[in-house]
């Protein structure tokens, strides 16, 4: 562990960074978390997001911390935004956020302090797990990381971790629509679009035994739906050929040497080649390949693949499964049934060429049913095949897109 602490940290640095703890019904752990955070940083603010299990001002009155309260529960994102505005009024440059459920180790705060940068979000990456991380959490991390990659083209790990440092000024210049757990996803995407960097900081995380499960306000259905809708909105924005507002100039990497340029095709094959990335590319290729985009399939697939940073080779290759005659005839048959309530007579193929505008309209109608179903089947098959193949191949650590900063962890705390 870095030896940076409240006792050794320069006062000028202390004045620039505040610690914010958004809390909703964590009365059993918030006092301990706030105490340990106060041991690391001089300025700590607890945002009570409408808790009903305790009066946090009364509970924390013996600590030198500030307590802000929402009269009702507005969501974790709203609490973080309240904290950002509050510390900005007091001249802070950075806001460090940490969850109030004692899942994180406040003693890891010094890992962040040596990496502060006004154009960078420092994101905790849960690399040392104390206890057993639930499978649902592991999949949630993988799922969220994948969609951030789709939206930004930047590979970021552990995008759901709430232990992070935000630069205050640029974040308050951005506009956010999310106010719950989905805020922590949206803020990363919009920050990267604005030119900010995301730097990974390895941290520890604690998962209690199931018999002593931690109190969490994360609602699996409601909050996962909100996160999915946020990703849908961000993907939709990413598809628009409209430049994003830039707040910082991200340095462009140096041109690769000639030898690496000659390996461009291999790079195309490896682009976003995780099982989820390949499955998404397969879905796009089949979905667009099924639609009646006459003479425009390749252009449409390339455009969407480029905008969403998907594997272009997979998307273009798999769309060949949609080539005439089978898929168009199937779509026309389904569309004809939807339109007239009976099966089209396809015994004489020449009849399918009669009234081409009608057939094109029926192709479009039928594709609305066939395209998503066919694309889903293809995506599932590709995902399972890729996962099986990659499980049999020795894993290589992918080259980092954004920086990673190492921080040695210390000995386990006695209270754990």
Protein backbone atom coordinates (compact mmCIF):
# COMPACT_ATOMS: atom_id res chain seq x y z
CA UNK A 1 0.00 0.00 0.00
CA UNK A 2 1.22 3.50 -0.70
CA UNK A 3 2.21 5.26 2.49
CA UNK A 4 0.07 8.28 1.59
CA UNK A 5 -2.41 9.00 4.40
CA UNK A 6 -4.13 11.86 6.13
CA UNK A 7 -1.06 12.37 8.27
CA UNK A 8 1.38 12.58 5.36
CA UNK A 9 -0.70 14.01 2.51
CA UNK A 10 0.07 17.62 1.61
CA UNK A 11 -2.67 20.02 2.73
CA UNK A 12 -2.88 21.57 -0.76
CA UNK A 13 -3.77 18.12 -2.17
CA UNK A 14 -6.30 17.56 0.61
CA UNK A 15 -8.03 20.80 -0.35
CA UNK A 16 -8.52 19.63 -3.96
CA UNK A 17 -10.22 16.29 -3.30
CA UNK A 18 -13.39 15.44 -1.41
CA UNK A 19 -14.75 12.00 -0.61
CA UNK A 20 -18.46 11.45 -1.28
CA UNK A 21 -20.39 8.46 0.10
CA UNK A 22 -23.87 8.06 -1.43
CA UNK A 23 -26.04 6.17 1.06
CA UNK A 24 -29.48 4.61 1.01
CA UNK A 25 -30.46 2.47 4.01
CA UNK A 26 -26.94 1.41 5.02
CA UNK A 27 -27.19 2.40 8.67
CA UNK A 28 -25.32 -0.73 9.74
CA UNK A 29 -22.13 0.11 7.84
CA UNK A 30 -22.04 3.83 7.08
CA UNK A 31 -20.45 4.88 10.39
CA UNK A 32 -17.53 2.49 9.88
CA UNK A 33 -17.07 3.48 6.23
CA UNK A 34 -17.20 7.21 6.99
CA UNK A 35 -14.74 6.81 9.86
CA UNK A 36 -12.22 4.97 7.71
CA UNK A 37 -12.63 7.45 4.83
CA UNK A 38 -12.11 10.33 7.25
CA UNK A 39 -8.84 8.65 8.26
CA UNK A 40 -7.67 8.98 4.67
CA UNK A 41 -9.08 12.34 3.57
CA UNK A 42 -9.80 15.61 5.32
CA UNK A 43 -13.09 16.35 3.51
CA UNK A 44 -15.83 13.72 3.58
CA UNK A 45 -19.46 14.29 2.59
CA UNK A 46 -22.20 11.70 3.08
CA UNK A 47 -25.18 12.07 0.74
CA UNK A 48 -28.23 10.53 2.44
CA UNK A 49 -30.45 9.61 -0.51
CA UNK A 50 -33.71 9.52 1.47
CA UNK A 51 -32.76 6.74 3.90
CA UNK A 52 -35.55 5.45 6.11
CA UNK A 53 -33.57 3.18 8.45
CA UNK A 54 -31.79 5.90 10.47
CA UNK A 55 -31.20 9.62 10.91
CA UNK A 56 -27.69 9.83 9.46
CA UNK A 57 -27.02 13.29 10.87
CA UNK A 58 -27.63 11.88 14.32
CA UNK A 59 -25.79 8.65 13.59
CA UNK A 60 -22.67 10.46 12.33
CA UNK A 61 -22.70 13.43 14.71
CA UNK A 62 -19.48 12.26 16.43
CA UNK A 63 -17.56 12.38 13.12
CA UNK A 64 -16.13 15.42 11.37
CA UNK A 65 -18.10 14.79 8.17
CA UNK A 66 -20.77 16.70 6.26
CA UNK A 67 -24.18 15.05 5.78
CA UNK A 68 -26.43 16.16 2.91
CA UNK A 69 -29.93 14.73 2.66
CA UNK A 70 -32.42 14.17 -0.13
CA UNK A 71 -35.95 14.29 1.29
CA UNK A 72 -36.79 11.19 -0.78
CA UNK A 73 -34.86 8.53 -2.65
CA UNK A 74 -33.72 9.99 -5.99
CA UNK A 75 -31.10 7.42 -6.99
CA UNK A 76 -27.35 6.94 -6.70
CA UNK A 77 -26.62 9.08 -9.74
CA UNK A 78 -28.64 11.96 -8.30
CA UNK A 79 -26.69 11.63 -5.03
CA UNK A 80 -23.35 11.75 -6.90
CA UNK A 81 -24.46 14.84 -8.83
CA UNK A 82 -25.49 16.49 -5.55
CA UNK A 83 -22.02 15.74 -4.22
CA UNK A 84 -20.35 17.11 -7.37
CA UNK A 85 -22.23 20.41 -7.15
CA UNK A 86 -21.59 20.69 -3.41
CA UNK A 87 -17.82 20.19 -3.62
CA UNK A 88 -17.55 22.41 -6.72
CA UNK A 89 -18.95 25.30 -4.67
CA UNK A 90 -16.12 24.70 -2.20
CA UNK A 91 -13.36 24.76 -4.80
CA UNK A 92 -12.72 21.03 -5.10
CA UNK A 93 -11.03 19.68 -8.22
CA UNK A 94 -11.78 16.00 -7.65
CA UNK A 95 -14.57 13.93 -6.11
CA UNK A 96 -13.79 10.44 -4.88
CA UNK A 97 -16.86 8.23 -4.54
CA UNK A 98 -17.07 5.05 -2.50
CA UNK A 99 -20.06 2.87 -1.62
CA UNK A 100 -21.50 2.96 1.87
CA UNK A 101 -22.04 -0.80 2.20
CA UNK A 102 -18.44 -1.55 3.32
CA UNK A 103 -17.75 -3.51 0.13
CA UNK A 104 -14.70 -1.39 -0.67
CA UNK A 105 -11.57 -0.74 1.39
CA UNK A 106 -11.11 2.98 2.17
CA UNK A 107 -7.49 2.12 2.90
CA UNK A 108 -7.08 1.82 -0.91
CA UNK A 109 -7.79 5.55 -1.32
CA UNK A 110 -4.04 6.38 -1.46
CA UNK A 111 -3.82 4.28 -4.65
CA UNK A 112 -5.88 6.98 -6.37
CA UNK A 113 -4.18 10.05 -4.91
CA UNK A 114 -0.88 9.70 -6.78
CA UNK A 115 -2.71 9.50 -10.12
CA UNK A 116 -4.95 12.57 -9.99
CA UNK A 117 -5.38 14.36 -13.30
CA UNK A 118 -8.02 16.98 -14.22
CA UNK A 119 -8.79 15.24 -17.53
CA UNK A 120 -9.00 11.70 -16.15
CA UNK A 121 -11.52 9.50 -14.37
CA UNK A 122 -9.79 7.05 -12.04
CA UNK A 123 -11.80 3.84 -12.00
CA UNK A 124 -11.36 1.18 -9.36
CA UNK A 125 -10.91 -2.31 -10.80
CA UNK A 126 -11.83 -5.06 -8.35
CA UNK A 127 -8.83 -7.33 -8.86
CA UNK A 128 -8.37 -8.72 -5.35
CA UNK A 129 -11.60 -10.30 -4.15
CA UNK A 130 -12.05 -11.13 -0.48
CA UNK A 131 -14.82 -13.71 -0.31
CA UNK A 132 -16.68 -15.02 -3.35
CA UNK A 133 -18.04 -12.73 -6.04
CA UNK A 134 -21.52 -13.85 -7.19
CA UNK A 135 -21.80 -15.11 -10.76
CA UNK A 136 -24.43 -12.48 -11.49
CA UNK A 137 -21.90 -9.76 -10.56
CA UNK A 138 -19.26 -11.27 -12.84
CA UNK A 139 -21.65 -11.42 -15.79
CA UNK A 140 -22.89 -7.90 -15.05
CA UNK A 141 -19.32 -6.60 -15.20
CA UNK A 142 -18.61 -8.39 -18.48
CA UNK A 143 -21.90 -7.21 -20.01
CA UNK A 144 -21.38 -3.59 -18.98
CA UNK A 145 -17.73 -3.52 -20.08
CA UNK A 146 -18.77 -4.83 -23.49
CA UNK A 147 -21.37 -2.12 -24.08
CA UNK A 148 -18.94 0.63 -23.05
CA UNK A 149 -16.57 -0.77 -25.69
CA UNK A 150 -19.38 -0.73 -28.27
CA UNK A 151 -20.32 2.85 -27.44
CA UNK A 152 -16.83 4.33 -27.26
CA UNK A 153 -14.35 1.95 -28.88
CA UNK A 154 -12.37 2.05 -25.62
CA UNK A 155 -11.78 -1.09 -23.58
CA UNK A 156 -12.54 -0.28 -19.93
CA UNK A 157 -12.66 -2.90 -17.19
CA UNK A 158 -15.05 -3.05 -14.24
CA UNK A 159 -17.30 -0.24 -15.42
CA UNK A 160 -19.82 -0.95 -12.65
CA UNK A 161 -17.40 -0.28 -9.79
CA UNK A 162 -18.51 2.66 -7.62
CA UNK A 163 -15.04 3.31 -6.16
CA UNK A 164 -13.67 6.02 -8.47
CA UNK A 165 -12.42 9.61 -8.75
CA UNK A 166 -14.20 12.16 -10.95
CA UNK A 167 -12.69 15.44 -12.15
CA UNK A 168 -15.34 17.92 -10.99
CA UNK A 169 -15.23 20.72 -13.57
CA UNK A 170 -15.54 18.70 -16.82
CA UNK A 171 -18.28 16.46 -15.41
CA UNK A 172 -20.42 19.43 -14.47
CA UNK A 173 -20.13 20.64 -18.07
CA UNK A 174 -21.64 17.41 -19.42
CA UNK A 175 -25.33 16.59 -19.57
CA UNK A 176 -26.59 13.33 -18.06
CA UNK A 177 -30.02 11.72 -18.30
CA UNK A 178 -29.50 8.91 -15.77
CA UNK A 179 -30.07 9.34 -12.05
CA UNK A 180 -29.78 5.83 -10.63
CA UNK A 181 -27.12 3.10 -10.97
CA UNK A 182 -27.20 3.71 -14.72
CA UNK A 183 -25.48 7.06 -14.09
CA UNK A 184 -22.18 5.28 -13.43
CA UNK A 185 -22.40 3.76 -16.92
CA UNK A 186 -23.49 6.91 -18.72
CA UNK A 187 -20.84 9.07 -17.09
CA UNK A 188 -18.02 6.86 -18.43
CA UNK A 189 -19.35 6.83 -21.98
CA UNK A 190 -20.01 10.56 -22.15
CA UNK A 191 -16.67 11.35 -20.50
CA UNK A 192 -14.78 9.26 -23.08
CA UNK A 193 -16.78 10.90 -25.88
CA UNK A 194 -15.70 14.26 -24.41
CA UNK A 195 -12.03 13.28 -24.63
CA UNK A 196 -11.41 12.37 -20.97
CA UNK A 197 -9.24 9.40 -20.15
CA UNK A 198 -10.23 6.48 -17.93
CA UNK A 199 -7.40 5.01 -15.86
CA UNK A 200 -7.79 1.71 -14.05
CA UNK A 201 -6.72 1.55 -10.40
CA UNK A 202 -6.49 -2.00 -8.96
CA UNK A 203 -8.39 -2.23 -5.67
CA UNK A 204 -9.71 -4.81 -3.22
CA UNK A 205 -13.34 -5.73 -2.71
CA UNK A 206 -15.11 -7.70 0.00
CA UNK A 207 -18.10 -10.01 -0.50
CA UNK A 208 -19.59 -11.36 2.73
CA UNK A 209 -20.85 -14.94 3.07
CA UNK A 210 -24.39 -15.47 1.80
CA UNK A 211 -25.61 -15.98 5.35
CA UNK A 212 -24.40 -12.45 6.18
CA UNK A 213 -25.30 -10.74 2.92
CA UNK A 214 -24.60 -7.03 2.67
CA UNK A 215 -27.45 -4.55 2.40
CA UNK A 216 -27.73 -3.24 -1.14
CA UNK A 217 -30.30 -0.98 -2.76
CA UNK A 218 -29.62 -2.47 -6.21
CA UNK A 219 -32.88 -3.91 -7.54
CA UNK A 220 -31.94 -6.68 -10.03
CA UNK A 221 -34.87 -6.23 -12.43
CA UNK A 222 -35.55 -2.51 -12.15
CA UNK A 223 -31.93 -1.34 -12.15
CA UNK A 224 -30.78 -3.77 -14.83
CA UNK A 225 -33.65 -2.51 -16.99
CA UNK A 226 -32.55 1.08 -16.37
CA UNK A 227 -28.95 0.17 -17.28
CA UNK A 228 -30.11 -1.59 -20.46
CA UNK A 229 -32.23 1.41 -21.47
CA UNK A 230 -29.28 3.73 -20.82
CA UNK A 231 -27.06 1.59 -23.06
CA UNK A 232 -29.77 1.59 -25.75
CA UNK A 233 -29.90 5.38 -25.64
CA UNK A 234 -26.12 5.68 -25.79
CA UNK A 235 -25.84 3.18 -28.66
CA UNK A 236 -28.49 5.14 -30.54
CA UNK A 237 -26.51 8.33 -29.99
CA UNK A 238 -23.34 6.58 -31.11
CA UNK A 239 -24.97 5.61 -34.41
CA UNK A 240 -25.64 9.25 -35.29
CA UNK A 241 -22.94 10.82 -37.51
CA UNK A 242 -22.81 13.85 -35.23
CA UNK A 243 -19.52 14.70 -33.47
CA UNK A 244 -19.46 14.69 -29.69
CA UNK A 245 -18.62 17.76 -27.67
CA UNK A 246 -14.95 17.64 -26.67
CA UNK A 247 -13.72 18.93 -23.33
CA UNK A 248 -10.20 17.52 -23.52
CA UNK A 249 -7.90 16.54 -26.37
CA UNK A 250 -7.05 12.87 -26.08
CA UNK A 251 -3.57 12.39 -27.56
CA UNK A 252 -3.58 10.27 -30.68
CA UNK A 253 -1.33 7.20 -30.61
CA UNK A 254 1.76 7.26 -32.78
CA UNK A 255 1.35 5.63 -36.20
CA UNK A 256 2.26 1.94 -36.02
CA UNK A 257 5.45 0.79 -37.74
CA UNK A 258 5.23 -0.73 -41.21
CA UNK A 259 5.49 -4.27 -39.89
CA UNK A 260 2.42 -3.76 -37.73
CA UNK A 261 0.49 -2.16 -40.58
CA UNK A 262 1.03 -5.30 -42.64
CA UNK A 263 -0.80 -7.18 -39.90
CA UNK A 264 -3.92 -5.07 -40.39
CA UNK A 265 -6.07 -7.98 -41.48
CA UNK A 266 -5.22 -9.91 -38.34
CA UNK A 267 -6.16 -6.82 -36.33
CA UNK A 268 -9.53 -6.76 -38.10
CA UNK A 269 -10.07 -10.40 -37.17
CA UNK A 270 -9.21 -9.72 -33.52
CA UNK A 271 -11.23 -6.48 -33.24
CA UNK A 272 -13.78 -6.76 -30.42
CA UNK A 273 -13.40 -10.53 -30.53
CA UNK A 274 -14.81 -11.33 -27.11
CA UNK A 275 -17.75 -13.77 -27.22
CA UNK A 276 -20.17 -10.91 -26.61
CA UNK A 277 -18.48 -8.75 -29.25
CA UNK A 278 -18.60 -11.50 -31.88
CA UNK A 279 -22.22 -12.29 -30.99
CA UNK A 280 -23.20 -8.63 -31.35
CA UNK A 281 -21.45 -8.44 -34.74
CA UNK A 282 -23.27 -11.59 -35.84
CA UNK A 283 -26.59 -10.10 -34.73
CA UNK A 284 -25.97 -6.90 -36.69
CA UNK A 285 -24.85 -8.80 -39.80
CA UNK A 286 -27.88 -11.11 -39.82
CA UNK A 287 -30.40 -8.44 -38.83
CA UNK A 288 -29.35 -5.95 -41.49
CA UNK A 289 -28.70 -8.71 -44.03
CA UNK A 290 -32.31 -9.87 -43.67
CA UNK A 291 -33.85 -6.44 -44.23
CA UNK A 292 -34.76 -5.45 -47.82
CA UNK A 293 -31.84 -3.01 -48.14
CA UNK A 294 -31.43 -3.78 -51.82
CA UNK A 295 -27.81 -3.25 -52.97
CA UNK A 296 -27.05 -1.50 -49.64
CA UNK A 297 -26.48 -4.40 -47.23
CA UNK A 298 -22.69 -4.17 -47.18
CA UNK A 299 -22.69 -0.39 -46.75
CA UNK A 300 -25.25 -0.53 -43.93
CA UNK A 301 -23.43 -3.32 -42.09
CA UNK A 302 -20.09 -1.56 -42.42
CA UNK A 303 -21.52 1.73 -41.17
CA UNK A 304 -23.14 0.20 -38.08
CA UNK A 305 -20.10 -1.98 -37.34
CA UNK A 306 -17.75 0.99 -37.54
CA UNK A 307 -19.96 3.26 -35.42
CA UNK A 308 -20.42 0.56 -32.77
CA UNK A 309 -16.81 -0.71 -32.92
CA UNK A 310 -17.91 -4.27 -33.74
CA UNK A 311 -15.98 -6.99 -35.53
CA UNK A 312 -16.48 -5.99 -39.16
CA UNK A 313 -15.16 -9.29 -40.55
CA UNK A 314 -17.72 -11.29 -38.56
CA UNK A 315 -20.61 -8.96 -39.43
CA UNK A 316 -19.84 -9.00 -43.16
CA UNK A 317 -19.09 -12.73 -43.33
CA UNK A 318 -22.19 -13.92 -41.53
CA UNK A 319 -24.54 -11.77 -43.59
CA UNK A 320 -23.91 -14.20 -46.46
CA UNK A 321 -26.35 -16.54 -44.72
CA UNK A 322 -29.06 -14.07 -45.73
CA UNK A 323 -28.31 -14.15 -49.44
CA UNK A 324 -31.18 -15.02 -51.85
CA UNK A 325 -33.24 -16.98 -52.35
CA UNK A 326 -34.13 -18.62 -49.04
CA UNK A 327 -34.24 -15.73 -46.55
CA UNK A 328 -35.95 -13.20 -48.88
CA UNK A 329 -38.57 -15.81 -49.88
CA UNK A 330 -39.17 -16.67 -46.22
CA UNK A 331 -39.64 -12.98 -45.39
CA UNK A 332 -42.01 -12.51 -48.33
CA UNK A 333 -44.04 -15.56 -47.26
CA UNK A 334 -44.31 -14.26 -43.69
CA UNK A 335 -45.14 -10.75 -44.89
CA UNK A 336 -47.78 -12.09 -47.31
CA UNK A 337 -49.37 -14.05 -44.45
CA UNK A 338 -49.38 -10.94 -42.26
CA UNK A 339 -50.92 -8.91 -45.06
CA UNK A 340 -53.58 -11.27 -46.42
CA UNK A 341 -53.94 -13.97 -43.76
CA UNK A 342 -53.06 -16.81 -46.17
CA UNK A 343 -49.98 -18.54 -47.53
CA UNK A 344 -48.51 -17.25 -50.78
CA UNK A 345 -48.38 -19.69 -53.71
CA UNK A 346 -44.66 -20.24 -54.19
CA UNK A 347 -45.02 -23.35 -56.34
CA UNK A 348 -44.09 -21.29 -59.36
CA UNK A 349 -41.11 -19.04 -58.53
CA UNK A 350 -41.97 -16.74 -61.42
CA UNK A 351 -45.09 -15.64 -59.56
CA UNK A 352 -42.90 -14.21 -56.82
CA UNK A 353 -41.55 -11.73 -59.34
CA UNK A 354 -45.00 -10.41 -60.20
CA UNK A 355 -45.89 -7.08 -58.61
CA UNK A 356 -42.34 -6.38 -57.35
CA UNK A 357 -43.38 -3.43 -55.18
CA UNK A 358 -45.91 -5.63 -53.36
CA UNK A 359 -43.25 -8.30 -52.86
CA UNK A 360 -40.80 -5.68 -51.57
CA UNK A 361 -43.37 -4.44 -49.06
CA UNK A 362 -44.08 -8.03 -47.94
CA UNK A 363 -40.33 -8.66 -47.66
CA UNK A 364 -40.12 -5.64 -45.36
CA UNK A 365 -43.10 -6.79 -43.24
CA UNK A 366 -41.78 -10.33 -42.95
CA UNK A 367 -38.27 -9.15 -42.11
CA UNK A 368 -39.61 -7.41 -39.02
CA UNK A 369 -40.35 -10.89 -37.66
CA UNK A 370 -37.64 -12.98 -39.30
CA UNK A 371 -34.69 -10.60 -38.87
CA UNK A 372 -34.61 -10.30 -35.04
CA UNK A 373 -35.35 -14.02 -34.53
CA UNK A 374 -32.77 -15.21 -37.06
CA UNK A 375 -30.25 -12.69 -35.70
CA UNK A 376 -30.86 -13.86 -32.12
CA UNK A 377 -30.31 -17.52 -33.06
CA UNK A 378 -27.09 -16.63 -34.91
CA UNK A 379 -25.84 -14.50 -32.03
CA UNK A 380 -26.44 -17.26 -29.47
CA UNK A 381 -24.69 -19.86 -31.66
CA UNK A 382 -21.71 -17.53 -32.25
CA UNK A 383 -21.51 -16.62 -28.54
CA UNK A 384 -21.50 -20.25 -27.40
CA UNK A 385 -19.01 -21.28 -30.08
CA UNK A 386 -16.67 -18.38 -29.31
CA UNK A 387 -16.87 -18.99 -25.58
CA UNK A 388 -16.09 -22.69 -26.08
CA UNK A 389 -13.18 -21.99 -28.43
CA UNK A 390 -11.71 -19.27 -26.21
CA UNK A 391 -11.99 -21.51 -23.15
CA UNK A 392 -9.72 -23.99 -24.93
CA UNK A 393 -7.19 -21.33 -25.94
CA UNK A 394 -4.59 -19.91 -23.50
CA UNK A 395 -5.65 -16.40 -22.58
CA UNK A 396 -3.47 -13.42 -23.43
CA UNK A 397 -3.91 -10.11 -21.66
CA UNK A 398 -5.23 -7.65 -24.27
CA UNK A 399 -3.17 -4.50 -24.81
CA UNK A 400 -4.60 -1.69 -22.68
CA UNK A 401 -6.45 1.07 -24.52
CA UNK A 402 -6.51 3.38 -21.54
CA UNK A 403 -3.90 3.33 -18.85
CA UNK A 404 -3.61 1.02 -15.89
CA UNK A 405 -1.92 2.15 -12.70
CA UNK A 406 -0.66 -0.45 -10.29
CA UNK A 407 -1.07 -0.18 -6.55
CA UNK A 408 0.17 -2.80 -4.15
CA UNK A 409 -2.47 -3.81 -1.62
CA UNK A 410 -1.69 -4.05 2.01
CA UNK A 411 -2.41 -6.67 4.61
CA UNK A 412 -6.03 -7.68 5.19
CA UNK A 413 -7.80 -5.51 7.71
CA UNK A 414 -8.55 -7.04 11.08
CA UNK A 415 -12.27 -6.33 10.90
CA UNK A 416 -12.69 -8.41 7.75
